[in-house]
Amino acid sequence: MPTGTSPSTCRLVRAGQDFVGKQGLTYSPAISAESVGARALHMQLVTIPPGGKAKAHKHASHETAIYALRGTSCMWYGENLEQHMQINPGDFLYIPADMPHLPYNPSAAESCVALISRTDPNEQESVVLLPHLDDKH
């Protein structure tokens, strides 16, 4: 289906080919402008390997909702990544648009897997890397 067109019917979608995003994490894409013609959202799985960490980033003008499926992850967030939280399996996480954040996996043995939904149907287009924050933590 061409990007930018409206879906004409319900669609069953299986996860697409894994890819490494600008943030440095592995994603399994599913619902997006590219896969179903979504106009205002995307949904995918993210995996953070043991000891893995993303690059500091934000999503310009787009909100994010995350549901933690497996593994305990942590995240630094705030204008200077001064705030910290732990996300456990079964937790829901909301990240407002333009919020700098840096998720990571503190485990040396277990991957973290989460379901991500964002108001950006093209997912990677809104990613803004913040290299000046990468060395904060």
C-alpha atoms as a PDB file:
ATOM      1  CA  MET A   1       0.000   0.000   0.000  1.00  0.00           C
ATOM      2  CA  PRO A   2       1.437   3.381  -0.906  1.00  0.00           C
ATOM      3  CA  THR A   3       2.643   5.591   1.919  1.00  0.00           C
ATOM      4  CA  GLY A   4       0.153   8.253   2.896  1.00  0.00           C
ATOM      5  CA  THR A   5      -2.956   6.434   1.722  1.00  0.00           C
ATOM      6  CA  SER A   6      -5.711   5.437   4.093  1.00  0.00           C
ATOM      7  CA  PRO A   7      -6.122   1.737   4.903  1.00  0.00           C
ATOM      8  CA  SER A   8      -9.230   0.454   3.135  1.00  0.00           C
ATOM      9  CA  THR A   9      -9.830  -2.551   5.390  1.00  0.00           C
ATOM     10  CA  CYS A  10      -8.563  -4.347   8.470  1.00  0.00           C
ATOM     11  CA  ARG A  11      -5.160  -5.978   8.020  1.00  0.00           C
ATOM     12  CA  LEU A  12      -3.401  -8.790   9.851  1.00  0.00           C
ATOM     13  CA  VAL A  13       0.305  -7.957  10.027  1.00  0.00           C
ATOM     14  CA  ARG A  14       3.187 -10.137  11.124  1.00  0.00           C
ATOM     15  CA  ALA A  15       6.394  -8.556  12.359  1.00  0.00           C
ATOM     16  CA  GLY A  16       8.641  -7.470   9.541  1.00  0.00           C
ATOM     17  CA  GLN A  17      12.372  -7.906   9.107  1.00  0.00           C
ATOM     18  CA  ASP A  18      14.333  -6.776  12.184  1.00  0.00           C
ATOM     19  CA  PHE A  19      16.368  -3.613  11.746  1.00  0.00           C
ATOM     20  CA  VAL A  20      18.675  -1.478  13.863  1.00  0.00           C
ATOM     21  CA  GLY A  21      17.271   2.030  14.269  1.00  0.00           C
ATOM     22  CA  LYS A  22      19.121   5.322  14.543  1.00  0.00           C
ATOM     23  CA  GLN A  23      18.949   4.894  18.326  1.00  0.00           C
ATOM     24  CA  GLY A  24      21.087   1.730  18.111  1.00  0.00           C
ATOM     25  CA  LEU A  25      18.349  -0.725  19.199  1.00  0.00           C
ATOM     26  CA  THR A  26      16.808  -3.634  17.290  1.00  0.00           C
ATOM     27  CA  TYR A  27      13.211  -3.250  16.142  1.00  0.00           C
ATOM     28  CA  SER A  28      10.672  -5.672  14.664  1.00  0.00           C
ATOM     29  CA  PRO A  29       8.299  -3.395  12.720  1.00  0.00           C
ATOM     30  CA  ALA A  30       4.612  -4.191  12.300  1.00  0.00           C
ATOM     31  CA  ILE A  31       2.032  -1.400  11.889  1.00  0.00           C
ATOM     32  CA  SER A  32       3.273   1.678  10.005  1.00  0.00           C
ATOM     33  CA  ALA A  33       2.690   3.890   6.997  1.00  0.00           C
ATOM     34  CA  GLU A  34       4.877   1.515   5.011  1.00  0.00           C
ATOM     35  CA  SER A  35       3.141  -1.722   6.029  1.00  0.00           C
ATOM     36  CA  VAL A  36      -0.557  -0.758   6.102  1.00  0.00           C
ATOM     37  CA  GLY A  37      -0.804   2.905   5.141  1.00  0.00           C
ATOM     38  CA  ALA A  38      -1.220   4.064   8.758  1.00  0.00           C
ATOM     39  CA  ARG A  39      -1.505   7.839   8.944  1.00  0.00           C
ATOM     40  CA  ALA A  40      -1.026   8.615  12.624  1.00  0.00           C
ATOM     41  CA  LEU A  41       0.634   5.682  14.390  1.00  0.00           C
ATOM     42  CA  HIS A  42       3.079   2.834  14.256  1.00  0.00           C
ATOM     43  CA  MET A  43       3.575  -0.239  16.423  1.00  0.00           C
ATOM     44  CA  GLN A  44       6.601  -2.500  16.752  1.00  0.00           C
ATOM     45  CA  LEU A  45       8.662  -4.575  19.142  1.00  0.00           C
ATOM     46  CA  VAL A  46      11.987  -3.360  20.511  1.00  0.00           C
ATOM     47  CA  THR A  47      14.688  -5.593  21.982  1.00  0.00           C
ATOM     48  CA  ILE A  48      17.511  -4.340  24.179  1.00  0.00           C
ATOM     49  CA  PRO A  49      20.194  -7.017  24.567  1.00  0.00           C
ATOM     50  CA  PRO A  50      21.877  -7.731  27.922  1.00  0.00           C
ATOM     51  CA  GLY A  51      23.952  -4.684  28.857  1.00  0.00           C
ATOM     52  CA  GLY A  52      22.659  -2.790  25.797  1.00  0.00           C
ATOM     53  CA  LYS A  53      21.827   0.888  25.698  1.00  0.00           C
ATOM     54  CA  ALA A  54      20.309   3.241  23.149  1.00  0.00           C
ATOM     55  CA  LYS A  55      21.819   6.482  21.951  1.00  0.00           C
ATOM     56  CA  ALA A  56      20.319   9.523  23.673  1.00  0.00           C
ATOM     57  CA  HIS A  57      17.428  10.755  21.544  1.00  0.00           C
ATOM     58  CA  LYS A  58      13.949  12.230  21.361  1.00  0.00           C
ATOM     59  CA  HIS A  59      11.010  11.900  18.989  1.00  0.00           C
ATOM     60  CA  ALA A  60      10.233  15.314  17.503  1.00  0.00           C
ATOM     61  CA  SER A  61       6.536  16.153  17.880  1.00  0.00           C
ATOM     62  CA  HIS A  62       5.499  12.528  18.568  1.00  0.00           C
ATOM     63  CA  GLU A  63       4.268  10.772  21.715  1.00  0.00           C
ATOM     64  CA  THR A  64       5.318   7.234  22.615  1.00  0.00           C
ATOM     65  CA  ALA A  65       3.566   4.499  24.589  1.00  0.00           C
ATOM     66  CA  ILE A  66       5.462   1.379  25.660  1.00  0.00           C
ATOM     67  CA  TYR A  67       4.345  -1.884  27.251  1.00  0.00           C
ATOM     68  CA  ALA A  68       7.171  -3.919  28.834  1.00  0.00           C
ATOM     69  CA  LEU A  69       6.856  -7.596  27.931  1.00  0.00           C
ATOM     70  CA  ARG A  70      10.049  -9.235  29.187  1.00  0.00           C
ATOM     71  CA  GLY A  71      13.100  -8.203  31.193  1.00  0.00           C
ATOM     72  CA  THR A  72      13.653  -5.176  33.395  1.00  0.00           C
ATOM     73  CA  SER A  73      14.875  -2.045  31.664  1.00  0.00           C
ATOM     74  CA  CYS A  74      15.802   1.406  32.903  1.00  0.00           C
ATOM     75  CA  MET A  75      15.692   4.839  31.353  1.00  0.00           C
ATOM     76  CA  TRP A  76      17.350   8.193  31.915  1.00  0.00           C
ATOM     77  CA  TYR A  77      15.140  11.076  30.801  1.00  0.00           C
ATOM     78  CA  GLY A  78      14.711  14.851  31.056  1.00  0.00           C
ATOM     79  CA  GLU A  79      16.393  17.779  29.320  1.00  0.00           C
ATOM     80  CA  ASN A  80      19.804  16.653  30.640  1.00  0.00           C
ATOM     81  CA  LEU A  81      18.887  13.024  31.360  1.00  0.00           C
ATOM     82  CA  GLU A  82      18.755  13.941  35.043  1.00  0.00           C
ATOM     83  CA  GLN A  83      15.776  11.739  35.920  1.00  0.00           C
ATOM     84  CA  HIS A  84      15.759   7.928  36.122  1.00  0.00           C
ATOM     85  CA  MET A  85      13.193   5.136  36.235  1.00  0.00           C
ATOM     86  CA  GLN A  86      12.979   1.345  36.141  1.00  0.00           C
ATOM     87  CA  ILE A  87      10.439  -0.390  33.884  1.00  0.00           C
ATOM     88  CA  ASN A  88       9.340  -3.923  34.815  1.00  0.00           C
ATOM     89  CA  PRO A  89       7.394  -6.504  32.783  1.00  0.00           C
ATOM     90  CA  GLY A  90       3.724  -5.518  32.778  1.00  0.00           C
ATOM     91  CA  ASP A  91       4.472  -1.790  33.165  1.00  0.00           C
ATOM     92  CA  PHE A  92       3.133   0.827  30.756  1.00  0.00           C
ATOM     93  CA  LEU A  93       5.336   3.835  29.994  1.00  0.00           C
ATOM     94  CA  TYR A  94       4.349   7.150  28.426  1.00  0.00           C
ATOM     95  CA  ILE A  95       7.009   9.399  26.862  1.00  0.00           C
ATOM     96  CA  PRO A  96       5.789  12.860  25.806  1.00  0.00           C
ATOM     97  CA  ALA A  97       6.800  14.357  22.477  1.00  0.00           C
ATOM     98  CA  ASP A  98      10.276  15.914  22.402  1.00  0.00           C
ATOM     99  CA  MET A  99      11.362  14.311  25.715  1.00  0.00           C
ATOM    100  CA  PRO A 100      15.072  13.386  25.686  1.00  0.00           C
ATOM    101  CA  HIS A 101      15.575   9.805  26.886  1.00  0.00           C
ATOM    102  CA  LEU A 102      18.135   7.028  26.987  1.00  0.00           C
ATOM    103  CA  PRO A 103      16.822   3.505  27.654  1.00  0.00           C
ATOM    104  CA  TYR A 104      19.142   0.710  28.677  1.00  0.00           C
ATOM    105  CA  ASN A 105      19.186  -2.861  29.935  1.00  0.00           C
ATOM    106  CA  PRO A 106      20.948  -3.262  33.306  1.00  0.00           C
ATOM    107  CA  SER A 107      20.930  -7.084  33.101  1.00  0.00           C
ATOM    108  CA  ALA A 108      24.050  -8.969  32.050  1.00  0.00           C
ATOM    109  CA  ALA A 109      21.992 -12.051  31.165  1.00  0.00           C
ATOM    110  CA  GLU A 110      18.445 -11.230  29.984  1.00  0.00           C
ATOM    111  CA  SER A 111      17.172  -9.239  27.000  1.00  0.00           C
ATOM    112  CA  CYS A 112      14.383  -6.689  27.421  1.00  0.00           C
ATOM    113  CA  VAL A 113      11.471  -6.810  24.979  1.00  0.00           C
ATOM    114  CA  ALA A 114       8.726  -4.187  24.761  1.00  0.00           C
ATOM    115  CA  LEU A 115       5.838  -3.222  22.501  1.00  0.00           C
ATOM    116  CA  ILE A 116       6.094   0.364  21.260  1.00  0.00           C
ATOM    117  CA  SER A 117       3.383   2.561  19.756  1.00  0.00           C
ATOM    118  CA  ARG A 118       4.116   6.061  18.547  1.00  0.00           C
ATOM    119  CA  THR A 119       2.149   8.811  16.852  1.00  0.00           C
ATOM    120  CA  ASP A 120       4.693   8.828  13.994  1.00  0.00           C
ATOM    121  CA  PRO A 121       3.533   6.419  11.262  1.00  0.00           C
ATOM    122  CA  ASN A 122       7.029   6.466   9.730  1.00  0.00           C
ATOM    123  CA  GLU A 123       8.770   5.716  13.078  1.00  0.00           C
ATOM    124  CA  GLN A 124      12.383   6.647  12.300  1.00  0.00           C
ATOM    125  CA  GLU A 125      11.587  10.016  10.696  1.00  0.00           C
ATOM    126  CA  SER A 126      10.956  11.702  14.039  1.00  0.00           C
ATOM    127  CA  VAL A 127      14.103  10.361  15.738  1.00  0.00           C
ATOM    128  CA  VAL A 128      16.463  13.170  16.725  1.00  0.00           C
ATOM    129  CA  LEU A 129      19.795  11.952  18.098  1.00  0.00           C
ATOM    130  CA  LEU A 130      21.249  13.939  21.004  1.00  0.00           C
ATOM    131  CA  PRO A 131      24.972  13.056  20.950  1.00  0.00           C
ATOM    132  CA  HIS A 132      25.804  15.768  23.514  1.00  0.00           C
ATOM    133  CA  LEU A 133      23.893  13.634  26.089  1.00  0.00           C
ATOM    134  CA  ASP A 134      25.340  10.216  25.188  1.00  0.00           C
ATOM    135  CA  ASP A 135      28.164  10.385  27.742  1.00  0.00           C
ATOM    136  CA  LYS A 136      25.996  11.560  30.672  1.00  0.00           C
ATOM    137  CA  HIS A 137      25.466   7.950  31.817  1.00  0.00           C
END
